[in-house]
């Protein structure tokens, strides 16, 4: 991917996040909460897998 396109996508993504947090703060909070719950579920599943693998 060309560097210009990569920088443009990063700038647009950051701009969208700022817009989303400014005009839909509850929606942004719910989104980040859902991402956090999903990451914790993945970590718990990985921990369970490793525990059962080594016991």
PDB file of N, CA and C in Angstrom:
ATOM      1  N   UNK A   1       0.858  -1.177   0.000  1.00  0.00           N
ATOM      2  CA  UNK A   1       0.000   0.000   0.000  1.00  0.00           C
ATOM      3  C   UNK A   1       0.900   1.234   0.000  1.00  0.00           C
ATOM      4  N   UNK A   2       0.633   2.164  -0.883  1.00  0.00           N
ATOM      5  CA  UNK A   2       1.451   3.383  -0.925  1.00  0.00           C
ATOM      6  C   UNK A   2       1.366   4.147   0.405  1.00  0.00           C
ATOM      7  N   UNK A   3       2.433   4.830   0.718  1.00  0.00           N
ATOM      8  CA  UNK A   3       2.519   5.559   1.986  1.00  0.00           C
ATOM      9  C   UNK A   3       1.454   6.647   2.068  1.00  0.00           C
ATOM     10  N   UNK A   4       1.212   7.332   0.953  1.00  0.00           N
ATOM     11  CA  UNK A   4       0.202   8.390   0.938  1.00  0.00           C
ATOM     12  C   UNK A   4      -1.171   7.842   1.302  1.00  0.00           C
ATOM     13  N   UNK A   5      -1.531   6.702   0.735  1.00  0.00           N
ATOM     14  CA  UNK A   5      -2.834   6.098   1.005  1.00  0.00           C
ATOM     15  C   UNK A   5      -2.936   5.651   2.458  1.00  0.00           C
ATOM     16  N   UNK A   6      -1.856   5.111   2.989  1.00  0.00           N
ATOM     17  CA  UNK A   6      -1.849   4.681   4.386  1.00  0.00           C
ATOM     18  C   UNK A   6      -2.033   5.877   5.322  1.00  0.00           C
ATOM     19  N   UNK A   7      -1.327   6.970   5.065  1.00  0.00           N
ATOM     20  CA  UNK A   7      -1.468   8.177   5.885  1.00  0.00           C
ATOM     21  C   UNK A   7      -2.874   8.750   5.771  1.00  0.00           C
ATOM     22  N   UNK A   8      -3.432   8.733   4.579  1.00  0.00           N
ATOM     23  CA  UNK A   8      -4.778   9.254   4.370  1.00  0.00           C
ATOM     24  C   UNK A   8      -5.800   8.420   5.147  1.00  0.00           C
ATOM     25  N   UNK A   9      -5.668   7.115   5.116  1.00  0.00           N
ATOM     26  CA  UNK A   9      -6.589   6.257   5.856  1.00  0.00           C
ATOM     27  C   UNK A   9      -6.466   6.463   7.361  1.00  0.00           C
ATOM     28  N   UNK A  10      -5.260   6.661   7.851  1.00  0.00           N
ATOM     29  CA  UNK A  10      -5.061   6.909   9.280  1.00  0.00           C
ATOM     30  C   UNK A  10      -5.699   8.238   9.683  1.00  0.00           C
ATOM     31  N   UNK A  11      -5.479   9.278   8.879  1.00  0.00           N
ATOM     32  CA  UNK A  11      -6.053  10.600   9.176  1.00  0.00           C
ATOM     33  C   UNK A  11      -7.574  10.544   9.149  1.00  0.00           C
ATOM     34  N   UNK A  12      -8.137   9.858   8.172  1.00  0.00           N
ATOM     35  CA  UNK A  12      -9.591   9.740   8.090  1.00  0.00           C
ATOM     36  C   UNK A  12     -10.150   8.926   9.257  1.00  0.00           C
ATOM     37  N   UNK A  13      -9.453   7.884   9.655  1.00  0.00           N
ATOM     38  CA  UNK A  13      -9.903   7.064  10.784  1.00  0.00           C
ATOM     39  C   UNK A  13      -9.891   7.858  12.082  1.00  0.00           C
ATOM     40  N   UNK A  14      -8.827   8.597  12.319  1.00  0.00           N
ATOM     41  CA  UNK A  14      -8.739   9.415  13.528  1.00  0.00           C
ATOM     42  C   UNK A  14      -9.808  10.509  13.504  1.00  0.00           C
ATOM     43  N   UNK A  15     -10.012  11.109  12.360  1.00  0.00           N
ATOM     44  CA  UNK A  15     -11.054  12.133  12.226  1.00  0.00           C
ATOM     45  C   UNK A  15     -12.435  11.566  12.505  1.00  0.00           C
ATOM     46  N   UNK A  16     -12.704  10.367  11.999  1.00  0.00           N
ATOM     47  CA  UNK A  16     -13.993   9.743  12.261  1.00  0.00           C
ATOM     48  C   UNK A  16     -14.166   9.435  13.743  1.00  0.00           C
ATOM     49  N   UNK A  17     -13.118   8.943  14.396  1.00  0.00           N
ATOM     50  CA  UNK A  17     -13.205   8.659  15.832  1.00  0.00           C
ATOM     51  C   UNK A  17     -13.483   9.924  16.639  1.00  0.00           C
ATOM     52  N   UNK A  18     -12.813  11.009  16.297  1.00  0.00           N
ATOM     53  CA  UNK A  18     -13.038  12.271  17.001  1.00  0.00           C
ATOM     54  C   UNK A  18     -14.477  12.752  16.767  1.00  0.00           C
ATOM     55  N   UNK A  19     -14.945  12.670  15.535  1.00  0.00           N
ATOM     56  CA  UNK A  19     -16.323  13.070  15.222  1.00  0.00           C
ATOM     57  C   UNK A  19     -17.318  12.198  15.979  1.00  0.00           C
ATOM     58  N   UNK A  20     -17.079  10.891  15.988  1.00  0.00           N
ATOM     59  CA  UNK A  20     -17.983   9.953  16.655  1.00  0.00           C
ATOM     60  C   UNK A  20     -18.036  10.223  18.153  1.00  0.00           C
ATOM     61  N   UNK A  21     -16.881  10.485  18.771  1.00  0.00           N
ATOM     62  CA  UNK A  21     -16.859  10.757  20.211  1.00  0.00           C
ATOM     63  C   UNK A  21     -17.469  12.122  20.534  1.00  0.00           C
ATOM     64  N   UNK A  22     -17.347  13.079  19.638  1.00  0.00           N
ATOM     65  CA  UNK A  22     -17.877  14.419  19.907  1.00  0.00           C
ATOM     66  C   UNK A  22     -19.395  14.464  19.769  1.00  0.00           C
ATOM     67  N   UNK A  23     -19.932  13.783  18.765  1.00  0.00           N
ATOM     68  CA  UNK A  23     -21.363  13.906  18.495  1.00  0.00           C
ATOM     69  C   UNK A  23     -22.190  12.712  18.965  1.00  0.00           C
ATOM     70  N   UNK A  24     -21.545  11.599  19.290  1.00  0.00           N
ATOM     71  CA  UNK A  24     -22.256  10.429  19.811  1.00  0.00           C
ATOM     72  C   UNK A  24     -21.457   9.835  20.968  1.00  0.00           C
ATOM     73  N   UNK A  25     -21.290  10.578  22.071  1.00  0.00           N
ATOM     74  CA  UNK A  25     -20.440  10.080  23.160  1.00  0.00           C
ATOM     75  C   UNK A  25     -20.965   8.791  23.796  1.00  0.00           C
ATOM     76  N   UNK A  26     -22.287   8.659  23.907  1.00  0.00           N
ATOM     77  CA  UNK A  26     -22.829   7.422  24.498  1.00  0.00           C
ATOM     78  C   UNK A  26     -22.578   6.233  23.575  1.00  0.00           C
ATOM     79  N   UNK A  27     -22.745   6.441  22.292  1.00  0.00           N
ATOM     80  CA  UNK A  27     -22.465   5.383  21.323  1.00  0.00           C
ATOM     81  C   UNK A  27     -21.002   4.985  21.325  1.00  0.00           C
ATOM     82  N   UNK A  28     -20.115   5.976  21.435  1.00  0.00           N
ATOM     83  CA  UNK A  28     -18.680   5.692  21.472  1.00  0.00           C
ATOM     84  C   UNK A  28     -18.326   4.930  22.747  1.00  0.00           C
ATOM     85  N   UNK A  29     -18.921   5.316  23.871  1.00  0.00           N
ATOM     86  CA  UNK A  29     -18.657   4.609  25.127  1.00  0.00           C
ATOM     87  C   UNK A  29     -19.145   3.173  25.047  1.00  0.00           C
ATOM     88  N   UNK A  30     -20.321   2.970  24.471  1.00  0.00           N
ATOM     89  CA  UNK A  30     -20.841   1.608  24.317  1.00  0.00           C
ATOM     90  C   UNK A  30     -19.951   0.768  23.405  1.00  0.00           C
ATOM     91  N   UNK A  31     -19.450   1.381  22.346  1.00  0.00           N
ATOM     92  CA  UNK A  31     -18.570   0.665  21.430  1.00  0.00           C
ATOM     93  C   UNK A  31     -17.281   0.234  22.126  1.00  0.00           C
ATOM     94  N   UNK A  32     -16.644   1.154  22.855  1.00  0.00           N
ATOM     95  CA  UNK A  32     -15.400   0.813  23.541  1.00  0.00           C
ATOM     96  C   UNK A  32     -15.638  -0.195  24.666  1.00  0.00           C
ATOM     97  N   UNK A  33     -16.799  -0.109  25.312  1.00  0.00           N
ATOM     98  CA  UNK A  33     -17.137  -1.086  26.344  1.00  0.00           C
ATOM     99  C   UNK A  33     -17.286  -2.474  25.721  1.00  0.00           C
ATOM    100  N   UNK A  34     -17.942  -2.552  24.577  1.00  0.00           N
ATOM    101  CA  UNK A  34     -18.128  -3.832  23.893  1.00  0.00           C
ATOM    102  C   UNK A  34     -16.786  -4.412  23.437  1.00  0.00           C
ATOM    103  N   UNK A  35     -15.900  -3.552  22.966  1.00  0.00           N
ATOM    104  CA  UNK A  35     -14.569  -4.023  22.564  1.00  0.00           C
ATOM    105  C   UNK A  35     -13.819  -4.564  23.775  1.00  0.00           C
ATOM    106  N   UNK A  36     -13.919  -3.872  24.906  1.00  0.00           N
ATOM    107  CA  UNK A  36     -13.256  -4.336  26.124  1.00  0.00           C
ATOM    108  C   UNK A  36     -13.801  -5.676  26.599  1.00  0.00           C
ATOM    109  N   UNK A  37     -15.123  -5.845  26.558  1.00  0.00           N
ATOM    110  CA  UNK A  37     -15.732  -7.121  26.961  1.00  0.00           C
ATOM    111  C   UNK A  37     -15.263  -8.245  26.036  1.00  0.00           C
ATOM    112  N   UNK A  38     -15.201  -7.970  24.743  1.00  0.00           N
ATOM    113  CA  UNK A  38     -14.756  -8.982  23.787  1.00  0.00           C
ATOM    114  C   UNK A  38     -13.294  -9.369  24.043  1.00  0.00           C
ATOM    115  N   UNK A  39     -12.434  -8.388  24.309  1.00  0.00           N
ATOM    116  CA  UNK A  39     -11.029  -8.686  24.589  1.00  0.00           C
ATOM    117  C   UNK A  39     -10.872  -9.494  25.874  1.00  0.00           C
ATOM    118  N   UNK A  40     -11.675  -9.176  26.894  1.00  0.00           N
ATOM    119  CA  UNK A  40     -11.621  -9.947  28.134  1.00  0.00           C
ATOM    120  C   UNK A  40     -12.103 -11.380  27.920  1.00  0.00           C
ATOM    121  N   UNK A  41     -13.112 -11.570  27.098  1.00  0.00           N
ATOM    122  CA  UNK A  41     -13.603 -12.912  26.798  1.00  0.00           C
ATOM    123  C   UNK A  41     -12.548 -13.723  26.052  1.00  0.00           C
ATOM    124  N   UNK A  42     -11.848 -13.079  25.131  1.00  0.00           N
ATOM    125  CA  UNK A  42     -10.780 -13.761  24.399  1.00  0.00           C
ATOM    126  C   UNK A  42      -9.656 -14.154  25.352  1.00  0.00           C
ATOM    127  N   UNK A  43      -9.280 -13.242  26.242  1.00  0.00           N
ATOM    128  CA  UNK A  43      -8.214 -13.531  27.201  1.00  0.00           C
ATOM    129  C   UNK A  43      -8.620 -14.659  28.145  1.00  0.00           C
ATOM    130  N   UNK A  44      -9.873 -14.655  28.597  1.00  0.00           N
ATOM    131  CA  UNK A  44     -10.343 -15.722  29.484  1.00  0.00           C
ATOM    132  C   UNK A  44     -10.344 -17.073  28.764  1.00  0.00           C
ATOM    133  N   UNK A  45     -10.779 -17.077  27.516  1.00  0.00           N
ATOM    134  CA  UNK A  45     -10.767 -18.313  26.729  1.00  0.00           C
ATOM    135  C   UNK A  45      -9.361 -18.831  26.511  1.00  0.00           C
ATOM    136  N   UNK A  46      -8.441 -17.929  26.233  1.00  0.00           N
ATOM    137  CA  UNK A  46      -7.047 -18.332  26.050  1.00  0.00           C
ATOM    138  C   UNK A  46      -6.468 -18.880  27.350  1.00  0.00           C
ATOM    139  N   UNK A  47      -6.799 -18.234  28.462  1.00  0.00           N
ATOM    140  CA  UNK A  47      -6.342 -18.719  29.760  1.00  0.00           C
ATOM    141  C   UNK A  47      -6.892 -20.099  30.075  1.00  0.00           C
ATOM    142  N   UNK A  48      -8.170 -20.322  29.808  1.00  0.00           N
ATOM    143  CA  UNK A  48      -8.771 -21.641  30.017  1.00  0.00           C
ATOM    144  C   UNK A  48      -8.110 -22.696  29.140  1.00  0.00           C
ATOM    145  N   UNK A  49      -7.839 -22.339  27.895  1.00  0.00           N
ATOM    146  CA  UNK A  49      -7.184 -23.267  26.982  1.00  0.00           C
ATOM    147  C   UNK A  49      -5.798 -23.650  27.485  1.00  0.00           C
ATOM    148  N   UNK A  50      -5.012 -22.662  27.882  1.00  0.00           N
ATOM    149  CA  UNK A  50      -3.658 -22.953  28.352  1.00  0.00           C
ATOM    150  C   UNK A  50      -3.682 -23.739  29.658  1.00  0.00           C
ATOM    151  N   UNK A  51      -4.637 -23.446  30.529  1.00  0.00           N
ATOM    152  CA  UNK A  51      -4.754 -24.184  31.786  1.00  0.00           C
ATOM    153  C   UNK A  51      -5.074 -25.648  31.514  1.00  0.00           C
ATOM    154  N   UNK A  52      -6.010 -25.903  30.623  1.00  0.00           N
ATOM    155  CA  UNK A  52      -6.365 -27.290  30.326  1.00  0.00           C
ATOM    156  C   UNK A  52      -5.268 -27.989  29.530  1.00  0.00           C
ATOM    157  N   UNK A  53      -4.495 -27.240  28.787  1.00  0.00           N
ATOM    158  CA  UNK A  53      -3.416 -27.829  27.998  1.00  0.00           C
ATOM    159  C   UNK A  53      -2.280 -28.316  28.885  1.00  0.00           C
ATOM    160  N   UNK A  54      -1.953 -27.563  29.932  1.00  0.00           N
ATOM    161  CA  UNK A  54      -0.818 -27.894  30.781  1.00  0.00           C
ATOM    162  C   UNK A  54      -1.197 -28.632  32.060  1.00  0.00           C
ATOM    163  N   UNK A  55      -2.445 -29.025  32.217  1.00  0.00           N
ATOM    164  CA  UNK A  55      -2.803 -29.761  33.434  1.00  0.00           C
ATOM    165  C   UNK A  55      -3.178 -31.193  33.125  1.00  0.00           C
TER     166      UNK A  55
END
